[in-house]
Amino acid sequence: FYLLGKRFKLTYLDKIRTWCEQHNVVLTGHLMDEITPHEALKANGDPLMAINSFGMPGIDEIFTKTTVKSTEWVTIGMIKNATKKAKATDALAELFALGPADMPLSKIRQMIWIIALHGVNHYVLSIAPVDARGNMQKRWYMTFNPTQPWFKALNELGEDAHKASLYAGKESDYKIAVRYPQTLTASTLFNPDNEKPSFQLSELLGNLYDWQWDPILIEEETEDISTYESVFSIGMKGITEEKTGIFFNSFDELSTWLEKNVHRDVMVVDANGGLANNILLKNFKDNSVCVVSLSDKSQGELILRIDNGTTYAFEMPEYGVFTYEPGQVPVIKKNVLIISPDELMEYKLTAPNVMRVFFDESGKCEFYLNEDISNITIVTRKFGDAVSLFGDTISLKLDGKEVHITQSCQLLPEEFRNLYMESDKLTLKRGKHLLSVKDKRRDYNYLPSAFLFGNFSLKENNQLDLLLENLSVSSFKKQGLLNYAGDIELKKKVIINNEEYISIDTGGLVAEIFINGQSMGRKAWAPFSWKIPQKYRNKTVDLRILITTSIQPLFGELKK
């Protein structure tokens, strides 16, 4: 496999890179099957040699796995090796392609920071279809274009990603190195007994991160290990520390040994004083520190401890990111006015409500009206000239009568309008109704056959009713907006006394608040807390809360 790696490099990657450099172009991209050494060797020969052959090394992590056990530690360990060799210049990651389309921006941000702490400073979305017809052939759907109701919040994400890219370029001292198990993996690929090592590389790296160490992957042939305090290699039966020759039969043995023999420059502890779990910790040569949560739950107050005696308390929300610079003064948010997310408020929708139609195997969909409802529009997939190339046109019957779909579509996001048509506005009577496909056609998970639009509420089991007068931030889906995609503006009067901040748990949805018509800014991730200007304190004010959903209910993957 070393030979395969060398041939791959010399006959392919080096030639392309040479041409690129001659034409002032940067060679970037990613390898295949980097997730495990077992697959990486078969695809690339010598994975670390291959990834270091790019002008801008790259990886793809399109599953967005961000927990201790699920993160692709081998994949991002490879890019960390490449950026360390290149002295942390430029590196690229292809991200987020598999969605889902309602992935919160807080998790998107979290993934960017995880990758940034491994030296990556360019973040791109996977290649998407030229237009929405490509959704028919896809096994997933994710978009970052204006179809997403939260599209404007990419401004905040972009600013934060720029900050992450600056941290990606910071220099680090690595105390712990881990050998990439090239020879060991090669020896087991064609083992007739199918014998595998007792410990996997991803497990070792994941545990080291979980114990708040910061390992670096190194090549098997690396001889100079003088800069590291410890170097570990995996064998068939256990793990060896190369400088001492100590052999470990379990991760517990290894963890205990590290605590006794390797000095910690920084650590993060929880309220009980023990090492905080589910975080990624990294410190830099300039004495700055970054902590990324690897959890979708709030971890409350954590404490950063630096070996110079500095301590710093901070809050770690779900998917959170904390950065520390020397001399940084804690921001303590006291006197917070908390708005309950369960409180019912008056509201306004920026788009009509919608029911996404799911047909059963016989091409039928029943729905029920608890009241007479007017101004309902039926929207169906109708490809026109594209029929011969892509998919089919849907013809519907409503309660046994053909529905005339003749109007150009205005109700869907712009990128889908040329693929759909809509009916005139209809008035439907209270009771059961039946939509059926005239000639049964294939439905597509990410390009539905039909929708119903109107000013109605939608609950489970296709129950339509009049819209409620009040909604809450926490339960708007259960309160009638099950398939809604757009902005929801809630409003109420609030008495502000001496509070300095106002806060509301949006469940991860992008939010902007207004006090007496003045925007306090948009937040795309927790903490959803805004500073209250002095002029509004000790007053009764009009509060507007603008929350934004994703496009998932319309074109993402939903249960029928």
Protein backbone atom coordinates (compact mmCIF):
# COMPACT_ATOMS: atom_id res chain seq x y z
CA PHE A 1 0.00 0.00 0.00
CA TYR A 2 2.99 2.33 0.44
CA LEU A 3 3.79 1.61 -3.22
CA LEU A 4 0.21 2.29 -4.27
CA GLY A 5 0.32 5.56 -2.36
CA LYS A 6 3.54 6.62 -4.04
CA ARG A 7 2.22 5.76 -7.49
CA PHE A 8 -1.05 7.61 -6.79
CA LYS A 9 0.96 10.65 -5.73
CA LEU A 10 3.52 10.59 -8.55
CA THR A 11 1.30 9.68 -11.49
CA TYR A 12 -1.84 11.59 -10.55
CA LEU A 13 -1.78 14.12 -7.73
CA ASP A 14 1.70 15.55 -8.37
CA LYS A 15 1.02 15.98 -12.09
CA ILE A 16 -2.24 17.84 -11.48
CA ARG A 17 -0.67 20.00 -8.78
CA THR A 18 2.26 20.88 -11.05
CA TRP A 19 -0.11 21.96 -13.82
CA CYS A 20 -2.16 23.98 -11.33
CA GLU A 21 0.90 25.79 -10.01
CA GLN A 22 2.06 26.54 -13.55
CA HIS A 23 -1.31 28.14 -14.27
CA ASN A 24 -1.70 29.95 -10.96
CA VAL A 25 -4.49 27.62 -9.81
CA VAL A 26 -4.79 25.96 -6.40
CA LEU A 27 -5.36 22.20 -6.32
CA THR A 28 -7.91 21.30 -3.68
CA GLY A 29 -10.53 18.62 -3.10
CA HIS A 30 -10.69 15.54 -0.93
CA LEU A 31 -9.81 11.86 -0.95
CA MET A 32 -12.20 8.94 -0.91
CA ASP A 33 -13.18 6.89 2.14
CA GLU A 34 -11.08 8.69 4.73
CA ILE A 35 -13.30 7.65 7.66
CA THR A 36 -11.35 4.50 8.60
CA PRO A 37 -7.80 3.41 7.77
CA HIS A 38 -9.24 0.13 6.48
CA GLU A 39 -11.16 1.90 3.70
CA ALA A 40 -8.69 4.75 3.24
CA LEU A 41 -5.81 2.44 2.35
CA LYS A 42 -7.86 0.63 -0.28
CA ALA A 43 -8.89 3.92 -1.89
CA ASN A 44 -5.66 5.92 -1.57
CA GLY A 45 -2.74 3.61 -0.79
CA ASP A 46 -1.06 5.93 1.69
CA PRO A 47 -3.73 8.41 2.89
CA LEU A 48 -1.43 10.85 4.71
CA MET A 49 0.93 11.00 1.76
CA ALA A 50 -2.00 11.63 -0.59
CA ILE A 51 -3.67 14.40 1.42
CA ASN A 52 -0.34 16.22 1.72
CA SER A 53 -0.08 16.31 -2.08
CA PHE A 54 -2.80 18.95 -2.47
CA GLY A 55 -2.02 22.65 -2.74
CA MET A 56 -4.96 23.21 -0.40
CA PRO A 57 -5.61 19.94 1.47
CA GLY A 58 -9.26 19.08 1.86
CA ILE A 59 -11.73 16.66 3.41
CA ASP A 60 -15.43 16.02 3.16
CA GLU A 61 -17.59 15.55 6.23
CA ILE A 62 -21.08 15.72 4.80
CA PHE A 63 -22.85 13.78 7.57
CA THR A 64 -22.34 16.54 10.20
CA LYS A 65 -21.50 14.15 13.01
CA THR A 66 -20.58 16.19 16.05
CA THR A 67 -20.62 13.97 19.14
CA VAL A 68 -17.63 12.35 20.83
CA LYS A 69 -18.57 8.92 19.50
CA SER A 70 -19.79 9.92 16.03
CA THR A 71 -17.31 12.59 14.87
CA GLU A 72 -15.04 11.51 12.01
CA TRP A 73 -11.90 11.86 14.11
CA VAL A 74 -9.74 10.02 11.56
CA THR A 75 -10.90 12.21 8.69
CA ILE A 76 -10.29 15.46 10.51
CA GLY A 77 -7.10 14.04 12.01
CA MET A 78 -5.77 13.65 8.48
CA ILE A 79 -6.45 17.29 7.63
CA LYS A 80 -4.87 18.32 10.91
CA ASN A 81 -1.73 16.42 9.90
CA ALA A 82 -1.71 18.18 6.52
CA THR A 83 -2.19 21.67 7.93
CA LYS A 84 0.50 21.12 10.55
CA LYS A 85 2.96 20.11 7.85
CA ALA A 86 1.98 23.15 5.79
CA LYS A 87 2.26 25.38 8.89
CA ALA A 88 -1.50 25.96 8.96
CA THR A 89 -1.87 27.81 5.67
CA ASP A 90 -5.09 27.00 3.78
CA ALA A 91 -7.33 23.94 4.00
CA LEU A 92 -10.84 23.16 2.84
CA ALA A 93 -13.79 21.14 4.11
CA GLU A 94 -16.88 20.13 2.17
CA LEU A 95 -19.74 20.15 4.68
CA PHE A 96 -23.49 19.79 5.37
CA ALA A 97 -24.56 18.18 2.08
CA LEU A 98 -26.72 15.45 3.64
CA GLY A 99 -28.72 17.90 5.73
CA PRO A 100 -31.34 17.57 7.05
CA ALA A 101 -32.78 20.86 5.82
CA ASP A 102 -33.89 21.81 9.33
CA MET A 103 -30.41 21.43 10.80
CA PRO A 104 -30.14 24.35 13.23
CA LEU A 105 -27.61 27.04 12.40
CA SER A 106 -26.13 26.42 15.84
CA LYS A 107 -25.11 22.91 14.74
CA ILE A 108 -23.81 24.21 11.41
CA ARG A 109 -21.70 26.69 13.34
CA GLN A 110 -20.53 23.96 15.74
CA MET A 111 -19.32 21.82 12.81
CA ILE A 112 -17.39 24.74 11.33
CA TRP A 113 -15.56 25.29 14.63
CA ILE A 114 -14.76 21.59 15.06
CA ILE A 115 -13.18 21.62 11.62
CA ALA A 116 -11.47 24.98 12.24
CA LEU A 117 -9.72 23.63 15.33
CA HIS A 118 -8.07 21.13 13.00
CA GLY A 119 -6.61 23.84 10.77
CA VAL A 120 -9.38 24.24 8.17
CA ASN A 121 -10.18 27.80 7.10
CA HIS A 122 -12.37 27.31 3.99
CA TYR A 123 -15.88 25.87 4.39
CA VAL A 124 -18.00 24.90 1.40
CA LEU A 125 -21.34 23.21 0.74
CA SER A 126 -21.40 20.08 -1.38
CA ILE A 127 -22.29 20.44 -5.06
CA ALA A 128 -26.04 20.97 -5.46
CA PRO A 129 -28.33 20.47 -8.47
CA VAL A 130 -28.39 23.22 -11.09
CA ASP A 131 -32.11 23.57 -10.43
CA ALA A 132 -34.69 21.91 -8.20
CA ARG A 133 -35.44 19.11 -10.69
CA GLY A 134 -32.31 17.47 -9.32
CA ASN A 135 -34.23 16.83 -6.11
CA MET A 136 -35.97 13.91 -7.81
CA GLN A 137 -32.79 11.91 -7.95
CA LYS A 138 -31.40 12.90 -4.57
CA ARG A 139 -31.34 10.88 -1.38
CA TRP A 140 -31.15 14.04 0.73
CA TYR A 141 -31.96 17.73 0.60
CA MET A 142 -30.07 20.68 2.03
CA THR A 143 -29.85 24.21 0.70
CA PHE A 144 -28.23 27.49 1.68
CA ASN A 145 -29.98 29.67 -0.90
CA PRO A 146 -32.89 32.12 -0.40
CA THR A 147 -35.31 29.18 -0.39
CA GLN A 148 -34.32 28.79 3.26
CA PRO A 149 -36.44 31.19 5.35
CA TRP A 150 -33.38 31.77 7.56
CA PHE A 151 -31.18 32.69 4.59
CA LYS A 152 -30.48 36.21 5.92
CA ALA A 153 -28.92 34.73 9.05
CA LEU A 154 -26.03 33.52 6.89
CA ASN A 155 -24.68 37.02 7.50
CA GLU A 156 -24.17 36.15 11.17
CA LEU A 157 -22.87 32.69 10.29
CA GLY A 158 -20.39 34.15 7.81
CA GLU A 159 -19.01 36.60 10.36
CA ASP A 160 -18.60 33.81 12.88
CA ALA A 161 -17.01 31.50 10.30
CA HIS A 162 -14.45 34.23 9.59
CA LYS A 163 -13.56 34.23 13.29
CA ALA A 164 -13.27 30.43 13.19
CA SER A 165 -10.91 30.67 10.22
CA LEU A 166 -8.63 32.97 12.21
CA TYR A 167 -8.43 30.38 14.98
CA ALA A 168 -7.71 27.74 12.33
CA GLY A 169 -4.51 29.61 11.50
CA LYS A 170 -3.22 29.82 15.07
CA GLU A 171 -0.18 27.74 16.00
CA SER A 172 -0.31 24.96 18.56
CA ASP A 173 2.12 22.83 20.53
CA TYR A 174 1.15 19.18 20.42
CA LYS A 175 2.09 17.07 23.43
CA ILE A 176 0.56 13.83 22.14
CA ALA A 177 1.05 12.15 18.76
CA VAL A 178 -0.70 9.09 17.39
CA ARG A 179 0.77 6.98 14.59
CA TYR A 180 -1.43 6.35 11.58
CA PRO A 181 -1.61 2.51 11.54
CA GLN A 182 -0.57 2.02 7.92
CA THR A 183 1.27 -1.31 8.19
CA LEU A 184 -1.08 -2.78 10.78
CA THR A 185 -4.12 -1.95 8.67
CA ALA A 186 -2.52 -3.35 5.51
CA SER A 187 -1.70 -6.60 7.31
CA THR A 188 -5.33 -7.12 8.28
CA LEU A 189 -6.98 -6.25 4.97
CA PHE A 190 -6.55 -9.73 3.54
CA ASN A 191 -6.29 -11.67 6.77
CA PRO A 192 -8.04 -15.02 6.15
CA ASP A 193 -9.06 -15.18 9.82
CA ASN A 194 -10.56 -11.67 9.58
CA GLU A 195 -8.70 -10.73 12.75
CA LYS A 196 -8.91 -7.04 13.63
CA PRO A 197 -7.00 -4.86 16.11
CA SER A 198 -8.48 -4.69 19.60
CA PHE A 199 -8.57 -0.89 19.39
CA GLN A 200 -9.55 1.27 16.43
CA LEU A 201 -7.87 4.55 15.51
CA SER A 202 -11.17 6.46 15.70
CA GLU A 203 -11.75 5.12 19.24
CA LEU A 204 -8.29 6.17 20.39
CA LEU A 205 -8.58 9.66 18.96
CA GLY A 206 -12.13 10.09 20.28
CA ASN A 207 -11.12 9.10 23.79
CA LEU A 208 -8.12 11.43 23.77
CA TYR A 209 -10.35 14.34 22.77
CA ASP A 210 -12.94 13.32 25.36
CA TRP A 211 -10.22 13.40 28.02
CA GLN A 212 -9.39 16.95 26.86
CA TRP A 213 -6.10 16.12 25.15
CA ASP A 214 -5.24 17.42 21.68
CA PRO A 215 -3.57 14.64 19.65
CA ILE A 216 -1.91 14.96 16.27
CA LEU A 217 -1.80 12.15 13.70
CA ILE A 218 1.70 11.43 12.40
CA GLU A 219 2.99 9.16 9.67
CA GLU A 220 4.25 5.72 10.50
CA GLU A 221 7.71 6.55 9.14
CA THR A 222 8.11 9.75 11.19
CA GLU A 223 11.37 9.27 13.09
CA ASP A 224 11.80 12.56 14.95
CA ILE A 225 9.36 12.44 17.84
CA SER A 226 11.36 14.65 20.17
CA THR A 227 8.78 17.46 20.14
CA TYR A 228 6.08 15.23 21.66
CA GLU A 229 5.76 14.17 25.27
CA SER A 230 4.03 10.94 24.28
CA VAL A 231 3.61 8.98 21.06
CA PHE A 232 1.09 6.15 20.78
CA SER A 233 0.83 3.34 18.25
CA ILE A 234 -1.88 0.73 17.89
CA GLY A 235 -1.08 -2.98 17.77
CA MET A 236 -3.25 -6.03 17.38
CA LYS A 237 -3.73 -6.50 21.12
CA GLY A 238 -3.35 -3.02 22.59
CA ILE A 239 -1.68 0.38 22.50
CA THR A 240 2.01 1.17 23.04
CA GLU A 241 3.55 4.42 24.28
CA GLU A 242 6.73 4.51 22.21
CA LYS A 243 8.98 6.64 24.43
CA THR A 244 8.56 4.42 27.48
CA GLY A 245 7.55 1.15 25.86
CA ILE A 246 4.54 0.91 28.18
CA PHE A 247 1.75 -1.27 26.84
CA PHE A 248 -1.93 -0.55 27.55
CA ASN A 249 -4.66 -3.17 27.51
CA SER A 250 -7.52 -0.72 28.05
CA PHE A 251 -8.46 2.90 27.59
CA ASP A 252 -8.86 3.23 31.37
CA GLU A 253 -5.19 2.31 31.84
CA LEU A 254 -4.20 4.82 29.19
CA SER A 255 -6.30 7.63 30.69
CA THR A 256 -4.83 7.06 34.16
CA TRP A 257 -1.28 7.03 32.81
CA LEU A 258 -1.77 10.28 30.88
CA GLU A 259 -3.07 12.09 33.96
CA LYS A 260 0.07 11.11 35.88
CA ASN A 261 2.65 11.64 33.16
CA VAL A 262 1.58 14.41 30.78
CA HIS A 263 1.24 17.97 31.99
CA ARG A 264 -2.00 19.83 31.24
CA ASP A 265 -1.68 23.48 30.23
CA VAL A 266 -5.44 23.98 30.32
CA MET A 267 -8.54 22.10 31.38
CA VAL A 268 -12.26 22.72 31.62
CA VAL A 269 -14.13 21.51 34.69
CA ASP A 270 -17.80 21.29 35.54
CA ALA A 271 -19.63 22.55 38.63
CA ASN A 272 -18.36 19.54 40.62
CA GLY A 273 -14.73 20.19 39.74
CA GLY A 274 -14.35 17.17 37.46
CA LEU A 275 -13.28 17.23 33.84
CA ALA A 276 -16.17 18.46 31.71
CA ASN A 277 -17.52 15.89 29.28
CA ASN A 278 -18.58 16.31 25.65
CA ILE A 279 -16.30 19.19 24.76
CA LEU A 280 -13.46 19.77 22.33
CA LEU A 281 -10.68 21.79 24.00
CA LYS A 282 -7.76 23.45 22.25
CA ASN A 283 -5.14 25.93 23.43
CA PHE A 284 -2.70 27.84 21.26
CA LYS A 285 0.83 29.22 21.48
CA ASP A 286 -0.53 32.74 21.98
CA ASN A 287 -2.27 31.44 25.17
CA SER A 288 -5.74 31.74 23.67
CA VAL A 289 -8.20 28.89 24.15
CA CYS A 290 -11.25 27.56 22.32
CA VAL A 291 -13.90 25.20 23.68
CA VAL A 292 -16.56 23.64 21.44
CA SER A 293 -19.51 21.72 22.84
CA LEU A 294 -20.02 18.25 21.40
CA SER A 295 -23.56 18.08 22.76
CA ASP A 296 -27.02 19.19 21.70
CA LYS A 297 -27.83 19.98 25.33
CA SER A 298 -26.86 22.97 27.46
CA GLN A 299 -24.01 22.16 29.86
CA GLY A 300 -24.58 25.14 32.12
CA GLU A 301 -21.61 26.88 33.73
CA LEU A 302 -18.15 25.47 33.06
CA ILE A 303 -14.81 26.76 34.33
CA LEU A 304 -11.63 27.14 32.28
CA ARG A 305 -8.47 26.54 34.31
CA ILE A 306 -5.09 27.59 32.96
CA ASP A 307 -1.85 26.40 34.55
CA ASN A 308 -0.79 30.01 35.29
CA GLY A 309 -3.58 30.16 37.87
CA THR A 310 -6.18 31.88 35.69
CA THR A 311 -9.77 30.68 35.99
CA TYR A 312 -12.65 31.81 33.83
CA ALA A 313 -16.30 30.82 34.23
CA PHE A 314 -18.50 30.68 31.15
CA GLU A 315 -21.86 29.31 30.01
CA MET A 316 -21.86 26.48 27.47
CA PRO A 317 -25.19 26.30 25.59
CA GLU A 318 -26.21 23.52 23.22
CA TYR A 319 -23.82 23.29 20.25
CA GLY A 320 -21.93 26.14 21.91
CA VAL A 321 -18.54 27.70 21.18
CA PHE A 322 -16.42 29.60 23.73
CA THR A 323 -13.22 31.49 22.98
CA TYR A 324 -10.77 32.98 25.47
CA GLU A 325 -8.02 35.52 24.87
CA PRO A 326 -5.48 36.44 27.58
CA GLY A 327 -6.83 39.21 29.80
CA GLN A 328 -10.42 38.64 28.68
CA VAL A 329 -12.93 40.01 31.18
CA PRO A 330 -15.97 37.82 31.94
CA VAL A 331 -19.34 39.09 30.71
CA ILE A 332 -21.80 38.38 33.49
CA LYS A 333 -25.40 38.75 32.35
CA LYS A 334 -27.38 39.78 35.41
CA ASN A 335 -30.90 41.15 35.69
CA VAL A 336 -32.28 39.15 32.79
CA LEU A 337 -35.92 39.47 31.74
CA ILE A 338 -36.88 35.95 30.67
CA ILE A 339 -39.78 35.57 28.26
CA SER A 340 -41.38 32.16 28.61
CA PRO A 341 -41.40 30.24 25.29
CA ASP A 342 -44.68 28.65 26.43
CA GLU A 343 -46.52 31.96 26.73
CA LEU A 344 -49.35 32.45 24.24
CA MET A 345 -49.04 35.66 22.21
CA GLU A 346 -50.68 37.40 19.32
CA TYR A 347 -48.92 36.61 16.07
CA LYS A 348 -48.67 37.27 12.34
CA LEU A 349 -47.44 34.95 9.60
CA THR A 350 -45.32 36.20 6.70
CA ALA A 351 -46.51 33.38 4.44
CA PRO A 352 -49.69 31.34 4.09
CA ASN A 353 -49.88 28.11 6.01
CA VAL A 354 -49.47 24.85 4.10
CA MET A 355 -50.30 21.18 4.17
CA ARG A 356 -47.86 18.96 2.37
CA VAL A 357 -49.83 16.18 0.68
CA PHE A 358 -48.74 12.59 1.16
CA PHE A 359 -50.54 10.07 -1.04
CA ASP A 360 -50.92 6.45 -0.01
CA GLU A 361 -50.02 3.56 -2.30
CA SER A 362 -53.33 3.87 -4.10
CA GLY A 363 -52.70 7.55 -4.82
CA LYS A 364 -55.17 8.93 -2.27
CA CYS A 365 -54.94 11.42 0.61
CA GLU A 366 -57.78 12.14 3.04
CA PHE A 367 -57.97 15.37 5.00
CA TYR A 368 -60.56 16.79 7.36
CA LEU A 369 -61.98 20.29 7.92
CA ASN A 370 -63.46 21.15 11.29
CA GLU A 371 -64.92 24.37 9.82
CA ASP A 372 -65.71 25.77 6.39
CA ILE A 373 -62.52 27.35 5.05
CA SER A 374 -62.22 29.68 2.07
CA ASN A 375 -59.31 30.79 -0.09
CA ILE A 376 -57.56 27.40 -0.21
CA THR A 377 -55.16 26.90 -3.12
CA ILE A 378 -53.99 23.54 -4.43
CA VAL A 379 -50.46 23.46 -5.84
CA THR A 380 -49.28 20.51 -7.94
CA ARG A 381 -46.11 19.46 -9.66
CA LYS A 382 -46.52 20.29 -13.35
CA PHE A 383 -43.33 20.19 -15.37
CA GLY A 384 -44.61 21.30 -18.76
CA ASP A 385 -41.86 21.05 -21.38
CA ALA A 386 -39.62 19.24 -18.92
CA VAL A 387 -41.89 16.20 -18.71
CA SER A 388 -40.02 14.22 -21.33
CA LEU A 389 -36.74 14.65 -19.50
CA PHE A 390 -37.64 14.82 -15.84
CA GLY A 391 -40.41 13.13 -13.93
CA ASP A 392 -44.07 13.65 -14.63
CA THR A 393 -47.00 16.01 -14.28
CA ILE A 394 -49.54 15.47 -11.53
CA SER A 395 -53.29 15.64 -12.29
CA LEU A 396 -55.58 15.62 -9.27
CA LYS A 397 -59.17 14.97 -8.34
CA LEU A 398 -60.80 16.57 -5.31
CA ASP A 399 -63.76 14.60 -3.99
CA GLY A 400 -64.02 12.85 -7.35
CA LYS A 401 -63.89 15.97 -9.51
CA GLU A 402 -60.90 17.03 -11.56
CA VAL A 403 -59.00 20.02 -10.17
CA HIS A 404 -58.15 22.62 -12.80
CA ILE A 405 -54.55 23.65 -12.21
CA THR A 406 -53.94 26.50 -14.63
CA GLN A 407 -52.31 29.36 -12.74
CA SER A 408 -48.58 30.00 -12.57
CA CYS A 409 -47.17 29.21 -9.15
CA GLN A 410 -46.57 32.13 -6.77
CA LEU A 411 -46.88 30.45 -3.39
CA LEU A 412 -43.69 28.35 -3.38
CA PRO A 413 -40.12 29.68 -3.09
CA GLU A 414 -38.82 31.05 -6.35
CA GLU A 415 -36.54 28.15 -7.28
CA PHE A 416 -39.54 25.77 -7.29
CA ARG A 417 -42.14 27.94 -9.01
CA ASN A 418 -41.37 26.85 -12.55
CA LEU A 419 -41.93 23.22 -11.52
CA TYR A 420 -45.42 23.75 -10.07
CA MET A 421 -48.78 25.25 -10.98
CA GLU A 422 -51.64 26.31 -8.74
CA SER A 423 -55.44 26.30 -8.80
CA ASP A 424 -57.87 29.15 -8.34
CA LYS A 425 -58.87 29.79 -4.73
CA LEU A 426 -61.36 27.26 -3.41
CA THR A 427 -63.87 27.17 -0.56
CA LEU A 428 -64.08 23.80 1.14
CA LYS A 429 -66.88 22.70 3.43
CA ARG A 430 -66.55 21.18 6.85
CA GLY A 431 -66.00 17.41 6.82
CA LYS A 432 -63.87 14.77 5.11
CA HIS A 433 -62.29 15.43 1.72
CA LEU A 434 -60.32 13.24 -0.65
CA LEU A 435 -57.45 14.21 -2.93
CA SER A 436 -56.53 11.56 -5.46
CA VAL A 437 -54.02 11.31 -8.27
CA LYS A 438 -55.84 11.02 -11.58
CA ASP A 439 -53.19 8.81 -13.13
CA LYS A 440 -50.92 7.38 -10.49
CA ARG A 441 -47.48 8.92 -10.69
CA ARG A 442 -44.33 8.52 -8.70
CA ASP A 443 -43.89 10.78 -5.70
CA TYR A 444 -40.47 12.16 -4.79
CA ASN A 445 -39.25 12.60 -1.25
CA TYR A 446 -37.74 16.02 -1.92
CA LEU A 447 -40.06 17.17 -4.70
CA PRO A 448 -43.61 16.53 -3.42
CA SER A 449 -46.55 16.05 -5.76
CA ALA A 450 -48.95 18.52 -4.13
CA PHE A 451 -49.58 21.08 -1.40
CA LEU A 452 -52.59 22.88 0.05
CA PHE A 453 -52.04 26.56 0.90
CA GLY A 454 -54.31 28.84 2.88
CA ASN A 455 -55.08 30.61 6.13
CA PHE A 456 -55.89 27.48 8.07
CA SER A 457 -54.33 25.60 10.95
CA LEU A 458 -52.93 22.12 10.35
CA LYS A 459 -52.49 19.50 13.01
CA GLU A 460 -51.65 15.81 12.93
CA ASN A 461 -53.69 13.39 10.82
CA ASN A 462 -54.44 16.10 8.24
CA GLN A 463 -56.83 18.01 10.53
CA LEU A 464 -57.53 21.52 9.14
CA ASP A 465 -59.22 24.24 11.15
CA LEU A 466 -59.32 28.00 11.52
CA LEU A 467 -56.11 29.62 12.68
CA LEU A 468 -55.79 30.14 16.42
CA GLU A 469 -55.68 33.68 17.75
CA ASN A 470 -52.53 33.05 19.82
CA LEU A 471 -49.42 30.89 19.53
CA SER A 472 -46.33 30.16 21.62
CA VAL A 473 -42.70 29.97 20.55
CA SER A 474 -42.28 26.46 21.93
CA SER A 475 -45.43 24.82 20.52
CA PHE A 476 -46.44 26.60 17.31
CA LYS A 477 -46.21 23.35 15.31
CA LYS A 478 -48.66 21.57 17.60
CA GLN A 479 -50.85 24.70 17.58
CA GLY A 480 -51.54 24.48 13.86
CA LEU A 481 -48.34 25.28 11.96
CA LEU A 482 -47.16 21.71 11.46
CA ASN A 483 -45.88 22.23 7.89
CA TYR A 484 -45.31 25.99 8.02
CA ALA A 485 -42.14 27.45 6.47
CA GLY A 486 -41.40 31.13 7.00
CA ASP A 487 -41.36 33.84 9.67
CA ILE A 488 -43.67 34.04 12.67
CA GLU A 489 -43.97 37.42 14.35
CA LEU A 490 -45.23 37.25 17.93
CA LYS A 491 -46.01 40.34 19.99
CA LYS A 492 -46.90 41.39 23.51
CA LYS A 493 -46.49 44.26 25.93
CA VAL A 494 -43.70 43.89 28.46
CA ILE A 495 -42.86 45.81 31.61
CA ILE A 496 -39.10 46.37 31.77
CA ASN A 497 -37.88 47.35 35.21
CA ASN A 498 -34.15 47.37 35.86
CA GLU A 499 -33.40 44.37 33.66
CA GLU A 500 -30.31 44.71 31.47
CA TYR A 501 -31.01 41.77 29.15
CA ILE A 502 -34.01 40.08 27.62
CA SER A 503 -33.92 36.36 26.83
CA ILE A 504 -36.12 33.68 25.27
CA ASP A 505 -35.48 30.03 24.45
CA THR A 506 -36.40 29.67 20.75
CA GLY A 507 -35.61 25.98 20.52
CA GLY A 508 -32.70 26.80 18.22
CA LEU A 509 -34.72 28.83 15.70
CA VAL A 510 -33.23 32.02 14.31
CA ALA A 511 -34.77 34.99 16.13
CA GLU A 512 -34.82 38.78 16.05
CA ILE A 513 -36.52 40.94 18.66
CA PHE A 514 -37.85 44.48 18.43
CA ILE A 515 -38.56 46.87 21.29
CA ASN A 516 -40.92 49.68 20.32
CA GLY A 517 -40.10 48.91 16.70
CA GLN A 518 -36.31 49.05 17.14
CA SER A 519 -34.41 45.89 16.25
CA MET A 520 -32.17 44.54 18.98
CA GLY A 521 -30.41 42.34 16.44
CA ARG A 522 -30.72 38.84 15.06
CA LYS A 523 -29.48 35.71 16.86
CA ALA A 524 -28.83 32.45 15.03
CA TRP A 525 -27.72 30.31 17.99
CA ALA A 526 -27.90 30.20 21.77
CA PRO A 527 -27.74 32.10 24.01
CA PHE A 528 -30.77 33.96 22.66
CA SER A 529 -30.19 37.00 24.82
CA TRP A 530 -30.24 40.68 23.89
CA LYS A 531 -29.01 43.76 25.75
CA ILE A 532 -31.78 46.23 26.57
CA PRO A 533 -30.95 49.86 25.77
CA GLN A 534 -31.08 52.18 28.77
CA LYS A 535 -33.89 54.25 27.23
CA TYR A 536 -36.33 51.31 27.47
CA ARG A 537 -35.73 50.46 31.11
CA ASN A 538 -38.41 51.19 33.71
CA LYS A 539 -41.02 51.36 30.96
CA THR A 540 -43.84 49.36 29.40
CA VAL A 541 -42.83 48.56 25.84
CA ASP A 542 -44.11 46.76 22.76
CA LEU A 543 -42.10 43.58 22.24
CA ARG A 544 -42.03 41.76 18.91
CA ILE A 545 -40.31 38.39 18.54
CA LEU A 546 -39.58 37.27 14.98
CA ILE A 547 -38.73 33.57 14.75
CA THR A 548 -37.80 31.83 11.50
CA THR A 549 -38.31 28.20 10.55
CA SER A 550 -36.51 26.16 7.89
CA ILE A 551 -37.68 24.86 4.49
CA GLN A 552 -37.78 21.30 5.86
CA PRO A 553 -41.59 21.02 6.17
CA LEU A 554 -42.04 21.71 2.46
CA PHE A 555 -39.15 19.94 0.76
CA GLY A 556 -37.22 18.10 3.44
CA GLU A 557 -37.74 14.57 4.62
CA LEU A 558 -40.91 14.21 6.67
CA LYS A 559 -42.78 11.25 8.05
CA LYS A 560 -45.99 10.57 6.21
